[in-house]
Amino acid sequence: MAKVIKVEFPNKCIGCELCIMEAQRQLQIVGLEGALIRVLRNKTDKGVGLEFHVEVDPRINKLDIKKITSICPAGVFTISEEESSEFNQ
């Protein structure tokens, strides 16, 4: 069983992008080009404040996901076990 990172609490995201910077550091890439995590900003329906939408590329699971999860100050991510099937190896 493989460990995978999941966006468990997207409503907690504060938009700091520390998760992105940690993933890019592990990939040894400077900048946001080709980032495996994307944090997108949305205006709320009420027009007050912001909310953020977090997208995660499945390739991120090849990195140190424990470090990415622990760097998030808001606790947006969790690590879970995923069963591998014959089609998903």
C-alpha atoms as a PDB file:
ATOM      1  CA  MET A   1       0.000   0.000   0.000  1.00  0.00           C
ATOM      2  CA  ALA A   2       1.361   3.347  -1.058  1.00  0.00           C
ATOM      3  CA  LYS A   3       1.091   6.524   0.951  1.00  0.00           C
ATOM      4  CA  VAL A   4      -0.547   9.449  -0.832  1.00  0.00           C
ATOM      5  CA  ILE A   5      -1.095  13.086   0.073  1.00  0.00           C
ATOM      6  CA  LYS A   6      -4.697  14.310   0.086  1.00  0.00           C
ATOM      7  CA  VAL A   7      -6.248  17.756   0.406  1.00  0.00           C
ATOM      8  CA  GLU A   8      -8.438  16.949   3.406  1.00  0.00           C
ATOM      9  CA  PHE A   9      -9.328  20.436   4.669  1.00  0.00           C
ATOM     10  CA  PRO A  10      -9.232  22.879   1.710  1.00  0.00           C
ATOM     11  CA  ASN A  11     -11.323  25.437   3.589  1.00  0.00           C
ATOM     12  CA  LYS A  12      -8.434  25.890   6.074  1.00  0.00           C
ATOM     13  CA  CYS A  13      -5.984  27.040   3.356  1.00  0.00           C
ATOM     14  CA  ILE A  14      -4.610  30.551   3.992  1.00  0.00           C
ATOM     15  CA  GLY A  15      -2.836  30.833   0.639  1.00  0.00           C
ATOM     16  CA  CYS A  16       0.724  30.995   2.014  1.00  0.00           C
ATOM     17  CA  GLU A  17       2.017  28.577  -0.671  1.00  0.00           C
ATOM     18  CA  LEU A  18       4.614  27.043   1.671  1.00  0.00           C
ATOM     19  CA  CYS A  19       3.560  23.607   0.400  1.00  0.00           C
ATOM     20  CA  ILE A  20       4.388  24.686  -3.145  1.00  0.00           C
ATOM     21  CA  MET A  21       7.784  26.038  -2.128  1.00  0.00           C
ATOM     22  CA  GLU A  22       8.643  22.811  -0.279  1.00  0.00           C
ATOM     23  CA  ALA A  23       7.675  20.663  -3.273  1.00  0.00           C
ATOM     24  CA  GLN A  24       9.675  22.907  -5.611  1.00  0.00           C
ATOM     25  CA  ARG A  25      12.667  22.744  -3.226  1.00  0.00           C
ATOM     26  CA  GLN A  26      12.545  18.944  -3.321  1.00  0.00           C
ATOM     27  CA  LEU A  27      12.421  19.056  -7.125  1.00  0.00           C
ATOM     28  CA  GLN A  28      15.291  21.585  -7.126  1.00  0.00           C
ATOM     29  CA  ILE A  29      13.244  24.019  -9.212  1.00  0.00           C
ATOM     30  CA  VAL A  30      13.241  27.773  -8.620  1.00  0.00           C
ATOM     31  CA  GLY A  31       9.882  29.430  -9.305  1.00  0.00           C
ATOM     32  CA  LEU A  32       6.368  28.164  -9.843  1.00  0.00           C
ATOM     33  CA  GLU A  33       6.831  26.709 -13.338  1.00  0.00           C
ATOM     34  CA  GLY A  34       5.774  23.060 -13.347  1.00  0.00           C
ATOM     35  CA  ALA A  35       4.585  23.117  -9.716  1.00  0.00           C
ATOM     36  CA  LEU A  36       2.912  19.907  -8.556  1.00  0.00           C
ATOM     37  CA  ILE A  37       0.670  21.824  -6.133  1.00  0.00           C
ATOM     38  CA  ARG A  38      -1.428  24.785  -7.196  1.00  0.00           C
ATOM     39  CA  VAL A  39      -3.164  27.202  -4.852  1.00  0.00           C
ATOM     40  CA  LEU A  40      -5.863  29.156  -6.660  1.00  0.00           C
ATOM     41  CA  ARG A  41      -7.605  32.183  -5.192  1.00  0.00           C
ATOM     42  CA  ASN A  42     -11.393  32.550  -5.373  1.00  0.00           C
ATOM     43  CA  LYS A  43     -13.519  35.424  -4.175  1.00  0.00           C
ATOM     44  CA  THR A  44     -16.206  34.379  -1.737  1.00  0.00           C
ATOM     45  CA  ASP A  45     -19.880  34.685  -2.608  1.00  0.00           C
ATOM     46  CA  LYS A  46     -20.310  37.371   0.015  1.00  0.00           C
ATOM     47  CA  GLY A  47     -17.558  39.479  -1.541  1.00  0.00           C
ATOM     48  CA  VAL A  48     -15.714  39.643   1.781  1.00  0.00           C
ATOM     49  CA  GLY A  49     -12.393  37.861   2.099  1.00  0.00           C
ATOM     50  CA  LEU A  50     -10.871  35.127  -0.011  1.00  0.00           C
ATOM     51  CA  GLU A  51     -11.013  31.397  -0.203  1.00  0.00           C
ATOM     52  CA  PHE A  52      -8.427  29.145  -1.767  1.00  0.00           C
ATOM     53  CA  HIS A  53      -8.689  26.023  -3.902  1.00  0.00           C
ATOM     54  CA  VAL A  54      -5.792  23.545  -3.704  1.00  0.00           C
ATOM     55  CA  GLU A  55      -4.973  21.196  -6.593  1.00  0.00           C
ATOM     56  CA  VAL A  56      -2.449  18.380  -6.225  1.00  0.00           C
ATOM     57  CA  ASP A  57      -0.771  16.557  -9.105  1.00  0.00           C
ATOM     58  CA  PRO A  58      -0.549  12.785  -8.378  1.00  0.00           C
ATOM     59  CA  ARG A  59       3.173  12.856  -9.242  1.00  0.00           C
ATOM     60  CA  ILE A  60       3.758  14.624  -5.917  1.00  0.00           C
ATOM     61  CA  ASN A  61       3.512  11.285  -4.127  1.00  0.00           C
ATOM     62  CA  LYS A  62       7.033  10.470  -5.338  1.00  0.00           C
ATOM     63  CA  LEU A  63       8.376  13.300  -3.138  1.00  0.00           C
ATOM     64  CA  ASP A  64       8.724  13.466   0.656  1.00  0.00           C
ATOM     65  CA  ILE A  65       5.018  14.016   1.316  1.00  0.00           C
ATOM     66  CA  LYS A  66       5.496  13.904   5.089  1.00  0.00           C
ATOM     67  CA  LYS A  67       7.641  17.047   4.880  1.00  0.00           C
ATOM     68  CA  ILE A  68       5.095  18.782   2.613  1.00  0.00           C
ATOM     69  CA  THR A  69       2.265  17.897   5.004  1.00  0.00           C
ATOM     70  CA  SER A  70       4.163  19.101   8.067  1.00  0.00           C
ATOM     71  CA  ILE A  71       5.147  22.472   6.559  1.00  0.00           C
ATOM     72  CA  CYS A  72       1.513  23.542   6.097  1.00  0.00           C
ATOM     73  CA  PRO A  73       0.605  25.880   8.999  1.00  0.00           C
ATOM     74  CA  ALA A  74      -3.135  25.364   8.466  1.00  0.00           C
ATOM     75  CA  GLY A  75      -3.141  21.549   8.344  1.00  0.00           C
ATOM     76  CA  VAL A  76      -4.751  21.303   4.906  1.00  0.00           C
ATOM     77  CA  PHE A  77      -3.129  17.983   3.924  1.00  0.00           C
ATOM     78  CA  THR A  78      -3.289  14.445   5.265  1.00  0.00           C
ATOM     79  CA  ILE A  79      -1.398  11.311   4.313  1.00  0.00           C
ATOM     80  CA  SER A  80      -3.459   8.200   3.690  1.00  0.00           C
ATOM     81  CA  GLU A  81      -2.852   4.661   2.536  1.00  0.00           C
ATOM     82  CA  GLU A  82      -3.950   3.805  -0.971  1.00  0.00           C
ATOM     83  CA  GLU A  83      -4.332   0.257  -2.158  1.00  0.00           C
ATOM     84  CA  SER A  84      -2.545  -0.447  -5.392  1.00  0.00           C
ATOM     85  CA  SER A  85      -4.564  -2.329  -7.966  1.00  0.00           C
ATOM     86  CA  GLU A  86      -3.346  -4.130 -11.043  1.00  0.00           C
ATOM     87  CA  PHE A  87      -4.189  -1.032 -13.105  1.00  0.00           C
ATOM     88  CA  ASN A  88      -2.621   1.521 -10.758  1.00  0.00           C
ATOM     89  CA  GLN A  89       0.967   0.423 -10.250  1.00  0.00           C
END
